[in-house]
C-alpha atoms as a PDB file:
ATOM      1  CA  MET A   1     -17.596 -10.808 -28.836  1.00  0.00           C
ATOM      2  CA  THR A   2     -14.449  -8.857 -28.013  1.00  0.00           C
ATOM      3  CA  GLY A   3     -15.463  -7.711 -24.524  1.00  0.00           C
ATOM      4  CA  LEU A   4     -16.472 -11.181 -23.310  1.00  0.00           C
ATOM      5  CA  LEU A   5     -13.580 -12.754 -21.413  1.00  0.00           C
ATOM      6  CA  HIS A   6     -15.375 -16.013 -20.703  1.00  0.00           C
ATOM      7  CA  ALA A   7     -18.813 -17.542 -20.380  1.00  0.00           C
ATOM      8  CA  PHE A   8     -18.926 -20.592 -18.134  1.00  0.00           C
ATOM      9  CA  VAL A   9     -21.901 -22.857 -17.475  1.00  0.00           C
ATOM     10  CA  LEU A  10     -21.724 -24.504 -14.032  1.00  0.00           C
ATOM     11  CA  ASN A  11     -22.820 -28.120 -13.756  1.00  0.00           C
ATOM     12  CA  GLY A  12     -23.482 -27.986  -9.997  1.00  0.00           C
ATOM     13  CA  GLN A  13     -20.642 -30.438  -9.305  1.00  0.00           C
ATOM     14  CA  GLY A  14     -17.717 -28.001  -9.217  1.00  0.00           C
ATOM     15  CA  GLY A  15     -17.115 -27.951 -12.956  1.00  0.00           C
ATOM     16  CA  GLY A  16     -18.896 -27.182 -16.190  1.00  0.00           C
ATOM     17  CA  LYS A  17     -18.113 -26.004 -19.688  1.00  0.00           C
ATOM     18  CA  LEU A  18     -16.915 -22.883 -21.442  1.00  0.00           C
ATOM     19  CA  LEU A  19     -19.163 -21.411 -24.087  1.00  0.00           C
ATOM     20  CA  GLY A  20     -17.489 -20.522 -27.341  1.00  0.00           C
ATOM     21  CA  ASP A  21     -19.318 -17.299 -28.116  1.00  0.00           C
ATOM     22  CA  ILE A  22     -21.827 -14.807 -26.738  1.00  0.00           C
ATOM     23  CA  THR A  23     -24.458 -16.183 -29.149  1.00  0.00           C
ATOM     24  CA  GLU A  24     -24.510 -19.434 -27.167  1.00  0.00           C
ATOM     25  CA  VAL A  25     -25.431 -17.495 -24.027  1.00  0.00           C
ATOM     26  CA  LYS A  26     -28.991 -16.826 -25.253  1.00  0.00           C
ATOM     27  CA  SER A  27     -29.949 -20.481 -25.002  1.00  0.00           C
ATOM     28  CA  VAL A  28     -28.728 -20.951 -21.410  1.00  0.00           C
ATOM     29  CA  ILE A  29     -29.133 -17.577 -19.676  1.00  0.00           C
ATOM     30  CA  HIS A  30     -31.614 -17.771 -16.768  1.00  0.00           C
ATOM     31  CA  LYS A  31     -31.996 -21.507 -17.468  1.00  0.00           C
ATOM     32  CA  GLU A  32     -28.653 -22.851 -16.259  1.00  0.00           C
ATOM     33  CA  LEU A  33     -26.069 -21.626 -13.770  1.00  0.00           C
ATOM     34  CA  LEU A  34     -24.019 -19.161 -15.800  1.00  0.00           C
ATOM     35  CA  TRP A  35     -21.002 -16.964 -15.100  1.00  0.00           C
ATOM     36  CA  LEU A  36     -20.277 -14.194 -17.608  1.00  0.00           C
ATOM     37  CA  HIS A  37     -17.015 -12.281 -17.218  1.00  0.00           C
ATOM     38  CA  PHE A  38     -16.617  -9.048 -19.224  1.00  0.00           C
ATOM     39  CA  ASP A  39     -14.115  -6.280 -19.859  1.00  0.00           C
ATOM     40  CA  TYR A  40     -16.362  -3.227 -19.565  1.00  0.00           C
ATOM     41  CA  SER A  41     -13.932  -0.975 -21.466  1.00  0.00           C
ATOM     42  CA  PHE A  42     -15.166  -2.488 -24.770  1.00  0.00           C
ATOM     43  CA  ASP A  43     -18.144  -0.951 -26.565  1.00  0.00           C
ATOM     44  CA  GLU A  44     -19.449  -4.451 -27.310  1.00  0.00           C
ATOM     45  CA  THR A  45     -19.835  -5.106 -23.588  1.00  0.00           C
ATOM     46  CA  ILE A  46     -21.823  -1.923 -23.045  1.00  0.00           C
ATOM     47  CA  GLU A  47     -24.025  -2.698 -26.048  1.00  0.00           C
ATOM     48  CA  TRP A  48     -24.721  -6.266 -24.865  1.00  0.00           C
ATOM     49  CA  LEU A  49     -25.657  -5.055 -21.382  1.00  0.00           C
ATOM     50  CA  LYS A  50     -28.068  -2.505 -22.891  1.00  0.00           C
ATOM     51  CA  GLN A  51     -29.881  -5.325 -24.682  1.00  0.00           C
ATOM     52  CA  GLN A  52     -30.567  -7.239 -21.450  1.00  0.00           C
ATOM     53  CA  THR A  53     -34.074  -6.442 -20.230  1.00  0.00           C
ATOM     54  CA  PHE A  54     -33.434  -7.818 -16.744  1.00  0.00           C
ATOM     55  CA  LEU A  55     -31.001  -4.950 -16.100  1.00  0.00           C
ATOM     56  CA  ASP A  56     -32.296  -1.469 -15.327  1.00  0.00           C
ATOM     57  CA  GLU A  57     -30.536   1.524 -16.844  1.00  0.00           C
ATOM     58  CA  TRP A  58     -28.939   2.536 -13.542  1.00  0.00           C
ATOM     59  CA  GLU A  59     -27.628  -1.007 -13.115  1.00  0.00           C
ATOM     60  CA  ARG A  60     -26.024  -0.985 -16.572  1.00  0.00           C
ATOM     61  CA  GLN A  61     -24.410   2.366 -15.891  1.00  0.00           C
ATOM     62  CA  ALA A  62     -23.114   1.190 -12.514  1.00  0.00           C
ATOM     63  CA  LEU A  63     -21.551  -1.946 -14.041  1.00  0.00           C
ATOM     64  CA  THR A  64     -19.608   0.102 -16.618  1.00  0.00           C
ATOM     65  CA  ALA A  65     -18.891   3.355 -14.740  1.00  0.00           C
ATOM     66  CA  ASP A  66     -15.312   4.662 -14.820  1.00  0.00           C
ATOM     67  CA  GLU A  67     -15.217   5.165 -11.059  1.00  0.00           C
ATOM     68  CA  THR A  68     -17.098   3.246  -8.412  1.00  0.00           C
ATOM     69  CA  ARG A  69     -17.032   2.636  -4.686  1.00  0.00           C
ATOM     70  CA  PRO A  70     -17.361  -0.746  -2.905  1.00  0.00           C
ATOM     71  CA  ARG A  71     -20.990  -1.321  -1.989  1.00  0.00           C
ATOM     72  CA  THR A  72     -23.888  -3.777  -2.217  1.00  0.00           C
ATOM     73  CA  VAL A  73     -27.219  -2.699  -3.737  1.00  0.00           C
ATOM     74  CA  SER A  74     -30.420  -4.690  -4.224  1.00  0.00           C
ATOM     75  CA  GLY A  75     -31.980  -4.511  -7.674  1.00  0.00           C
ATOM     76  CA  ASP A  76     -35.249  -5.831  -9.091  1.00  0.00           C
ATOM     77  CA  GLU A  77     -33.678  -8.971 -10.563  1.00  0.00           C
ATOM     78  CA  GLY A  78     -30.610  -9.473  -8.378  1.00  0.00           C
ATOM     79  CA  LEU A  79     -27.822  -7.953  -6.339  1.00  0.00           C
ATOM     80  CA  LEU A  80     -25.216  -5.445  -7.474  1.00  0.00           C
ATOM     81  CA  ILE A  81     -21.934  -6.025  -5.645  1.00  0.00           C
ATOM     82  CA  PHE A  82     -18.963  -3.717  -6.168  1.00  0.00           C
ATOM     83  CA  LEU A  83     -15.631  -4.860  -4.741  1.00  0.00           C
ATOM     84  CA  ARG A  84     -11.925  -4.170  -5.124  1.00  0.00           C
ATOM     85  CA  GLY A  85      -8.827  -6.342  -5.141  1.00  0.00           C
ATOM     86  CA  VAL A  86      -5.155  -5.507  -4.802  1.00  0.00           C
ATOM     87  CA  ASN A  87      -3.443  -4.710  -8.080  1.00  0.00           C
ATOM     88  CA  LEU A  88      -1.046  -7.587  -8.747  1.00  0.00           C
ATOM     89  CA  ASN A  89      -0.547  -6.764 -12.416  1.00  0.00           C
ATOM     90  CA  PRO A  90       3.086  -6.293 -13.571  1.00  0.00           C
ATOM     91  CA  LYS A  91       4.586  -2.834 -13.029  1.00  0.00           C
ATOM     92  CA  GLN A  92       1.517  -1.704 -11.072  1.00  0.00           C
ATOM     93  CA  SER A  93       1.234  -0.446  -7.488  1.00  0.00           C
ATOM     94  CA  PRO A  94      -0.753  -2.726  -5.146  1.00  0.00           C
ATOM     95  CA  GLU A  95      -2.605   0.207  -3.576  1.00  0.00           C
ATOM     96  CA  ASP A  96      -3.972   1.138  -7.026  1.00  0.00           C
ATOM     97  CA  MET A  97      -6.725  -1.398  -6.505  1.00  0.00           C
ATOM     98  CA  VAL A  98      -8.634  -3.172  -9.265  1.00  0.00           C
ATOM     99  CA  SER A  99     -12.402  -2.796  -9.322  1.00  0.00           C
ATOM    100  CA  ILE A 100     -14.742  -5.695 -10.085  1.00  0.00           C
ATOM    101  CA  ARG A 101     -18.479  -5.102 -10.490  1.00  0.00           C
ATOM    102  CA  CYS A 102     -20.969  -7.968 -10.110  1.00  0.00           C
ATOM    103  CA  PHE A 103     -24.607  -8.625 -10.864  1.00  0.00           C
ATOM    104  CA  ALA A 104     -25.859 -11.815  -9.263  1.00  0.00           C
ATOM    105  CA  ASN A 105     -29.021 -13.804  -8.764  1.00  0.00           C
ATOM    106  CA  ASP A 106     -29.776 -17.488  -8.292  1.00  0.00           C
ATOM    107  CA  LYS A 107     -28.989 -18.406 -11.933  1.00  0.00           C
ATOM    108  CA  LEU A 108     -26.580 -15.762 -13.175  1.00  0.00           C
ATOM    109  CA  LEU A 109     -23.367 -14.007 -12.214  1.00  0.00           C
ATOM    110  CA  ILE A 110     -22.085 -11.161 -14.379  1.00  0.00           C
ATOM    111  CA  THR A 111     -18.681  -9.751 -13.468  1.00  0.00           C
ATOM    112  CA  CYS A 112     -17.132  -6.721 -15.135  1.00  0.00           C
ATOM    113  CA  ARG A 113     -13.596  -5.440 -14.836  1.00  0.00           C
ATOM    114  CA  LYS A 114     -11.161  -3.268 -16.782  1.00  0.00           C
ATOM    115  CA  ARG A 115      -7.790  -4.564 -15.574  1.00  0.00           C
ATOM    116  CA  HIS A 116      -6.806  -8.168 -14.944  1.00  0.00           C
ATOM    117  CA  ILE A 117      -7.922  -9.501 -11.595  1.00  0.00           C
ATOM    118  CA  MET A 118      -6.185 -12.649 -10.393  1.00  0.00           C
ATOM    119  CA  SER A 119      -9.034 -13.855  -8.170  1.00  0.00           C
ATOM    120  CA  ALA A 120     -11.350 -14.352 -11.144  1.00  0.00           C
ATOM    121  CA  GLN A 121      -8.644 -16.266 -12.993  1.00  0.00           C
ATOM    122  CA  ASP A 122      -8.127 -18.524  -9.965  1.00  0.00           C
ATOM    123  CA  MET A 123     -11.854 -19.294  -9.814  1.00  0.00           C
ATOM    124  CA  LEU A 124     -12.007 -20.107 -13.524  1.00  0.00           C
ATOM    125  CA  ALA A 125      -8.999 -22.410 -13.234  1.00  0.00           C
ATOM    126  CA  LEU A 126     -10.685 -24.350 -10.415  1.00  0.00           C
ATOM    127  CA  LEU A 127     -13.901 -24.680 -12.426  1.00  0.00           C
ATOM    128  CA  LYS A 128     -11.973 -26.076 -15.384  1.00  0.00           C
ATOM    129  CA  LYS A 129     -10.472 -28.708 -13.049  1.00  0.00           C
ATOM    130  CA  GLY A 130     -13.888 -29.601 -11.656  1.00  0.00           C
ATOM    131  CA  GLN A 131     -12.940 -28.257  -8.217  1.00  0.00           C
ATOM    132  CA  GLY A 132     -14.760 -24.935  -8.331  1.00  0.00           C
ATOM    133  CA  ALA A 133     -18.046 -23.498  -7.134  1.00  0.00           C
ATOM    134  CA  LYS A 134     -21.241 -25.554  -7.392  1.00  0.00           C
ATOM    135  CA  SER A 135     -23.698 -22.644  -7.331  1.00  0.00           C
ATOM    136  CA  ILE A 136     -23.904 -18.914  -7.947  1.00  0.00           C
ATOM    137  CA  GLY A 137     -23.946 -18.300  -4.190  1.00  0.00           C
ATOM    138  CA  GLU A 138     -20.725 -20.254  -3.774  1.00  0.00           C
ATOM    139  CA  LEU A 139     -19.226 -18.433  -6.747  1.00  0.00           C
ATOM    140  CA  VAL A 140     -19.964 -15.036  -5.152  1.00  0.00           C
ATOM    141  CA  SER A 141     -18.718 -16.074  -1.703  1.00  0.00           C
ATOM    142  CA  THR A 142     -15.577 -17.589  -3.244  1.00  0.00           C
ATOM    143  CA  LEU A 143     -14.895 -14.334  -5.104  1.00  0.00           C
ATOM    144  CA  VAL A 144     -15.220 -12.347  -1.861  1.00  0.00           C
ATOM    145  CA  MET A 145     -12.896 -14.780  -0.093  1.00  0.00           C
ATOM    146  CA  ARG A 146     -10.333 -14.798  -2.915  1.00  0.00           C
ATOM    147  CA  LEU A 147     -10.181 -11.015  -3.002  1.00  0.00           C
ATOM    148  CA  SER A 148      -9.460 -10.973   0.734  1.00  0.00           C
ATOM    149  CA  VAL A 149      -6.872 -13.766   0.621  1.00  0.00           C
ATOM    150  CA  ARG A 150      -4.929 -11.991  -2.125  1.00  0.00           C
ATOM    151  CA  MET A 151      -4.521  -8.990   0.169  1.00  0.00           C
ATOM    152  CA  GLN A 152      -2.644 -11.000   2.797  1.00  0.00           C
ATOM    153  CA  ASP A 153       0.489 -11.390   0.657  1.00  0.00           C
ATOM    154  CA  ILE A 154       0.735  -7.617   0.140  1.00  0.00           C
ATOM    155  CA  ILE A 155       0.321  -6.952   3.864  1.00  0.00           C
ATOM    156  CA  TRP A 156       3.027  -9.520   4.650  1.00  0.00           C
ATOM    157  CA  GLN A 157       5.347  -7.767   2.204  1.00  0.00           C
ATOM    158  CA  ILE A 158       4.670  -4.440   3.934  1.00  0.00           C
ATOM    159  CA  GLU A 159       5.423  -5.950   7.343  1.00  0.00           C
ATOM    160  CA  GLU A 160       8.626  -7.584   6.068  1.00  0.00           C
ATOM    161  CA  GLN A 161       9.846  -4.261   4.680  1.00  0.00           C
ATOM    162  CA  LEU A 162       9.082  -2.559   7.991  1.00  0.00           C
ATOM    163  CA  ASP A 163      10.963  -5.326   9.823  1.00  0.00           C
ATOM    164  CA  GLY A 164      13.947  -4.630   7.565  1.00  0.00           C
ATOM    165  CA  PHE A 165      13.786  -0.904   8.305  1.00  0.00           C
ATOM    166  CA  GLU A 166      13.605  -1.571  12.057  1.00  0.00           C
ATOM    167  CA  ASP A 167      16.563  -3.971  11.896  1.00  0.00           C
ATOM    168  CA  ALA A 168      18.557  -1.329  10.049  1.00  0.00           C
ATOM    169  CA  MET A 169      17.734   1.203  12.756  1.00  0.00           C
ATOM    170  CA  GLU A 170      18.819  -1.184  15.524  1.00  0.00           C
ATOM    171  CA  SER A 171      22.086  -2.145  13.832  1.00  0.00           C
ATOM    172  CA  SER A 172      22.964   1.536  13.313  1.00  0.00           C
ATOM    173  CA  GLU A 173      25.159   0.513  10.376  1.00  0.00           C
ATOM    174  CA  GLN A 174      23.108   2.414   7.818  1.00  0.00           C
ATOM    175  CA  LEU A 175      19.914   4.399   8.166  1.00  0.00           C
ATOM    176  CA  PRO A 176      16.893   3.163   6.178  1.00  0.00           C
ATOM    177  CA  ASN A 177      16.134   4.988   2.949  1.00  0.00           C
ATOM    178  CA  TYR A 178      13.752   7.771   3.972  1.00  0.00           C
ATOM    179  CA  GLN A 179      12.217   8.003   0.494  1.00  0.00           C
ATOM    180  CA  GLN A 180      11.484   4.265   0.367  1.00  0.00           C
ATOM    181  CA  LEU A 181       9.923   4.415   3.815  1.00  0.00           C
ATOM    182  CA  SER A 182       7.728   7.359   2.799  1.00  0.00           C
ATOM    183  CA  THR A 183       6.595   5.492  -0.327  1.00  0.00           C
ATOM    184  CA  LEU A 184       5.756   2.407   1.726  1.00  0.00           C
ATOM    185  CA  ARG A 185       3.769   4.494   4.193  1.00  0.00           C
ATOM    186  CA  ARG A 186       1.774   6.122   1.376  1.00  0.00           C
ATOM    187  CA  GLN A 187       1.004   2.692  -0.083  1.00  0.00           C
ATOM    188  CA  THR A 188      -0.174   1.451   3.303  1.00  0.00           C
ATOM    189  CA  ILE A 189      -2.416   4.476   3.795  1.00  0.00           C
ATOM    190  CA  GLY A 190      -3.847   3.959   0.292  1.00  0.00           C
ATOM    191  CA  LEU A 191      -4.661   0.310   0.978  1.00  0.00           C
ATOM    192  CA  LYS A 192      -6.358   1.169   4.244  1.00  0.00           C
ATOM    193  CA  ARG A 193      -8.397   3.894   2.543  1.00  0.00           C
ATOM    194  CA  TYR A 194      -9.762   1.339   0.048  1.00  0.00           C
ATOM    195  CA  LEU A 195     -10.287  -1.548   2.469  1.00  0.00           C
ATOM    196  CA  LYS A 196     -12.613   0.274   4.856  1.00  0.00           C
ATOM    197  CA  PRO A 197     -15.350   0.810   2.199  1.00  0.00           C
ATOM    198  CA  GLN A 198     -14.846  -2.820   1.138  1.00  0.00           C
ATOM    199  CA  LYS A 199     -15.646  -3.976   4.659  1.00  0.00           C
ATOM    200  CA  LEU A 200     -18.845  -1.913   4.622  1.00  0.00           C
ATOM    201  CA  ALA A 201     -19.808  -3.445   1.270  1.00  0.00           C
ATOM    202  CA  ILE A 202     -19.336  -6.977   2.642  1.00  0.00           C
ATOM    203  CA  ASN A 203     -21.388  -6.079   5.720  1.00  0.00           C
ATOM    204  CA  GLU A 204     -24.161  -4.885   3.416  1.00  0.00           C
ATOM    205  CA  LEU A 205     -23.922  -8.173   1.490  1.00  0.00           C
ATOM    206  CA  LEU A 206     -24.267 -10.146   4.713  1.00  0.00           C
ATOM    207  CA  ALA A 207     -27.235  -8.023   5.775  1.00  0.00           C
ATOM    208  CA  THR A 208     -28.996  -8.627   2.434  1.00  0.00           C
ATOM    209  CA  LYS A 209     -30.880 -11.893   2.808  1.00  0.00           C
ATOM    210  CA  VAL A 210     -31.312 -13.705  -0.494  1.00  0.00           C
ATOM    211  CA  PRO A 211     -32.183 -17.414  -0.791  1.00  0.00           C
ATOM    212  CA  TRP A 212     -29.292 -18.270  -3.095  1.00  0.00           C
ATOM    213  CA  LEU A 213     -26.767 -17.219  -0.433  1.00  0.00           C
ATOM    214  CA  ASP A 214     -27.220 -20.042   2.077  1.00  0.00           C
ATOM    215  CA  GLU A 215     -25.687 -20.422   5.531  1.00  0.00           C
ATOM    216  CA  ASP A 216     -22.430 -21.951   4.261  1.00  0.00           C
ATOM    217  CA  HIS A 217     -21.965 -19.121   1.792  1.00  0.00           C
ATOM    218  CA  GLN A 218     -22.603 -16.530   4.485  1.00  0.00           C
ATOM    219  CA  HIS A 219     -20.069 -18.215   6.767  1.00  0.00           C
ATOM    220  CA  MET A 220     -17.469 -17.967   3.995  1.00  0.00           C
ATOM    221  CA  ILE A 221     -18.271 -14.282   3.484  1.00  0.00           C
ATOM    222  CA  GLU A 222     -18.110 -13.704   7.265  1.00  0.00           C
ATOM    223  CA  GLU A 223     -14.631 -15.285   7.323  1.00  0.00           C
ATOM    224  CA  ALA A 224     -13.550 -12.977   4.521  1.00  0.00           C
ATOM    225  CA  ASN A 225     -14.984 -10.050   6.459  1.00  0.00           C
ATOM    226  CA  ASN A 226     -13.124 -11.064   9.618  1.00  0.00           C
ATOM    227  CA  ALA A 227      -9.930 -11.374   7.619  1.00  0.00           C
ATOM    228  CA  LEU A 228     -10.561  -7.921   6.192  1.00  0.00           C
ATOM    229  CA  SER A 229     -10.960  -6.509   9.702  1.00  0.00           C
ATOM    230  CA  ARG A 230      -7.633  -8.048  10.663  1.00  0.00           C
ATOM    231  CA  TYR A 231      -5.955  -6.627   7.572  1.00  0.00           C
ATOM    232  CA  ILE A 232      -7.239  -3.144   8.395  1.00  0.00           C
ATOM    233  CA  GLU A 233      -5.859  -3.470  11.935  1.00  0.00           C
ATOM    234  CA  GLU A 234      -2.510  -4.665  10.571  1.00  0.00           C
ATOM    235  CA  LEU A 235      -2.390  -1.754   8.132  1.00  0.00           C
ATOM    236  CA  GLU A 236      -3.126   0.698  10.940  1.00  0.00           C
ATOM    237  CA  ALA A 237      -0.297  -0.856  12.965  1.00  0.00           C
ATOM    238  CA  ALA A 238       1.994  -0.669   9.923  1.00  0.00           C
ATOM    239  CA  ILE A 239       1.202   3.026   9.452  1.00  0.00           C
ATOM    240  CA  GLU A 240       2.092   3.683  13.101  1.00  0.00           C
ATOM    241  CA  ARG A 241       5.310   1.634  12.807  1.00  0.00           C
ATOM    242  CA  ALA A 242       6.320   3.563   9.697  1.00  0.00           C
ATOM    243  CA  GLN A 243       5.666   6.851  11.510  1.00  0.00           C
ATOM    244  CA  VAL A 244       7.797   5.716  14.464  1.00  0.00           C
ATOM    245  CA  ILE A 245      10.646   4.738  12.116  1.00  0.00           C
ATOM    246  CA  GLN A 246      10.393   8.067  10.284  1.00  0.00           C
ATOM    247  CA  ASN A 247      10.557   9.926  13.604  1.00  0.00           C
ATOM    248  CA  ALA A 248      13.536   7.827  14.666  1.00  0.00           C
ATOM    249  CA  ILE A 249      15.358   8.614  11.400  1.00  0.00           C
ATOM    250  CA  THR A 250      14.618  12.316  11.824  1.00  0.00           C
ATOM    251  CA  ASN A 251      15.820  12.271  15.444  1.00  0.00           C
ATOM    252  CA  HIS A 252      18.977  10.394  14.473  1.00  0.00           C
ATOM    253  CA  GLN A 253      19.740  12.856  11.692  1.00  0.00           C
ATOM    254  CA  ASN A 254      19.114  15.793  14.047  1.00  0.00           C
ATOM    255  CA  GLU A 255      21.398  14.208  16.634  1.00  0.00           C
ATOM    256  CA  GLN A 256      24.161  13.756  14.075  1.00  0.00           C
ATOM    257  CA  LEU A 257      23.737  17.360  12.967  1.00  0.00           C
ATOM    258  CA  ASN A 258      23.871  18.595  16.565  1.00  0.00           C
ATOM    259  CA  GLN A 259      27.026  16.577  17.203  1.00  0.00           C
ATOM    260  CA  ARG A 260      28.727  18.038  14.147  1.00  0.00           C
ATOM    261  CA  MET A 261      27.653  21.538  15.097  1.00  0.00           C
ATOM    262  CA  TYR A 262      28.933  20.937  18.631  1.00  0.00           C
ATOM    263  CA  VAL A 263      32.340  19.803  17.359  1.00  0.00           C
ATOM    264  CA  MET A 264      32.538  22.813  15.084  1.00  0.00           C
ATOM    265  CA  SER A 265      31.643  25.098  18.005  1.00  0.00           C
ATOM    266  CA  VAL A 266      34.356  23.549  20.212  1.00  0.00           C
ATOM    267  CA  VAL A 267      36.950  23.888  17.452  1.00  0.00           C
ATOM    268  CA  ALA A 268      35.930  27.491  16.902  1.00  0.00           C
ATOM    269  CA  ALA A 269      36.226  28.168  20.661  1.00  0.00           C
ATOM    270  CA  LEU A 270      39.712  26.608  20.732  1.00  0.00           C
ATOM    271  CA  PHE A 271      40.986  28.752  17.901  1.00  0.00           C
ATOM    272  CA  LEU A 272      39.179  31.964  18.788  1.00  0.00           C
ATOM    273  CA  PRO A 273      41.971  33.287  21.124  1.00  0.00           C
ATOM    274  CA  LEU A 274      44.626  32.181  18.616  1.00  0.00           C
ATOM    275  CA  GLY A 275      42.896  34.048  15.842  1.00  0.00           C
ATOM    276  CA  PHE A 276      42.640  37.127  18.015  1.00  0.00           C
ATOM    277  CA  LEU A 277      46.366  37.101  18.882  1.00  0.00           C
ATOM    278  CA  THR A 278      47.561  36.412  15.351  1.00  0.00           C
ATOM    279  CA  GLY A 279      45.256  39.077  14.004  1.00  0.00           C
ATOM    280  CA  LEU A 280      46.427  41.561  16.611  1.00  0.00           C
ATOM    281  CA  LEU A 281      50.115  40.992  15.838  1.00  0.00           C
ATOM    282  CA  GLY A 282      49.481  40.996  12.089  1.00  0.00           C
ATOM    283  CA  VAL A 283      48.587  44.662  11.850  1.00  0.00           C
ATOM    284  CA  ASN A 284      51.111  46.726   9.919  1.00  0.00           C
ATOM    285  CA  ILE A 285      51.710  49.537  12.384  1.00  0.00           C
ATOM    286  CA  GLY A 286      54.677  50.459  14.525  1.00  0.00           C
ATOM    287  CA  GLY A 287      55.158  49.365  18.131  1.00  0.00           C
ATOM    288  CA  ILE A 288      54.577  45.615  17.710  1.00  0.00           C
ATOM    289  CA  PRO A 289      56.832  43.894  20.317  1.00  0.00           C
ATOM    290  CA  GLY A 290      59.489  41.390  19.235  1.00  0.00           C
ATOM    291  CA  THR A 291      60.109  42.738  15.780  1.00  0.00           C
ATOM    292  CA  GLU A 292      63.798  43.250  16.580  1.00  0.00           C
ATOM    293  CA  TRP A 293      64.288  39.955  18.486  1.00  0.00           C
ATOM    294  CA  ALA A 294      65.002  36.700  16.589  1.00  0.00           C
ATOM    295  CA  GLY A 295      63.407  34.441  19.219  1.00  0.00           C
ATOM    296  CA  ALA A 296      60.111  36.313  19.337  1.00  0.00           C
ATOM    297  CA  PHE A 297      58.388  34.067  16.776  1.00  0.00           C
ATOM    298  CA  THR A 298      59.343  30.875  18.642  1.00  0.00           C
ATOM    299  CA  LEU A 299      58.098  32.327  21.902  1.00  0.00           C
ATOM    300  CA  PHE A 300      54.855  33.387  20.257  1.00  0.00           C
ATOM    301  CA  VAL A 301      54.263  29.878  18.850  1.00  0.00           C
ATOM    302  CA  VAL A 302      54.921  28.305  22.256  1.00  0.00           C
ATOM    303  CA  LEU A 303      52.490  30.776  23.817  1.00  0.00           C
ATOM    304  CA  LEU A 304      49.796  29.803  21.308  1.00  0.00           C
ATOM    305  CA  VAL A 305      50.325  26.095  22.063  1.00  0.00           C
ATOM    306  CA  VAL A 306      50.106  26.740  25.811  1.00  0.00           C
ATOM    307  CA  ILE A 307      46.893  28.715  25.392  1.00  0.00           C
ATOM    308  CA  THR A 308      45.356  25.993  23.203  1.00  0.00           C
ATOM    309  CA  VAL A 309      46.292  23.234  25.680  1.00  0.00           C
ATOM    310  CA  GLY A 310      44.973  25.328  28.546  1.00  0.00           C
ATOM    311  CA  ILE A 311      41.644  25.866  26.842  1.00  0.00           C
ATOM    312  CA  GLY A 312      41.443  22.144  26.028  1.00  0.00           C
ATOM    313  CA  VAL A 313      42.087  21.226  29.676  1.00  0.00           C
ATOM    314  CA  TYR A 314      39.441  23.701  30.808  1.00  0.00           C
ATOM    315  CA  PHE A 315      36.871  22.266  28.360  1.00  0.00           C
ATOM    316  CA  LYS A 316      37.733  18.748  29.507  1.00  0.00           C
ATOM    317  CA  HIS A 317      37.264  19.748  33.133  1.00  0.00           C
ATOM    318  CA  LYS A 318      33.862  21.225  32.296  1.00  0.00           C
ATOM    319  CA  GLY A 319      32.862  18.055  30.404  1.00  0.00           C
ATOM    320  CA  TRP A 320      32.575  19.842  27.079  1.00  0.00           C
ATOM    321  CA  LEU A 321      35.065  17.488  25.428  1.00  0.00           C
END
């Protein structure tokens, strides 16, 4: 089956075996601990889900919908859990989060995704080594934990970039790139916007009491939820830091502009009397003094220098220079 990414039978000891084909699933489904991982963008996946009588129509549609929101919903035969993870795929933005949809009960976990999600690959790798989950409840709680842990690296990267921007501001050697800072701030806001619904979904999962999620599993989910709360707080702090840096860049640029305008104003004030005198003596009409005297030009130049120096001394005395 093209849409089936893997079918893994858990042995209850942290390992198990991969099934070769979807036809082998019929003999073990609801009898052994089974994890089915699908790509819901394939028609074969949608068709297989339609054939499963334990899934209601609304559950099948929710597992394969184009857009979904993190939440936990109780069904007749199990729980529907919709979560998101950071997008760590090549050439993708982390805030463009990857959705994973789950149907779970005591014997079965069905996960559906469209884009690669690293957390599921990590869990499968551990199962192949015999170091993975021993039950469906542990599989679900491990998935929740893995999704949260993966977010920490992205948040660290955001904080490191902000540290670099702040260091650049303090050194005053070169202002941070305003466009890069704006992009980082948008990414941070996007992550926060997706993480808040995720926290609500995990709270709903904790509030839903099912026997296959025992106390240890709930503790693991609670730890993931606490980590998620911390990540949201760190993202809020990062957004505020980015805003402060943006304001500082704007203020610095305005200060530089004001300084340049001030220098230009002082220069204009220095040369304003000189321009007036030269313009006055440059008119082509009779009666201009000094036209018949050879030393008139030298005297005029000296007068201009004296006026300029005098204005400069006056500005210095006033503290304008």
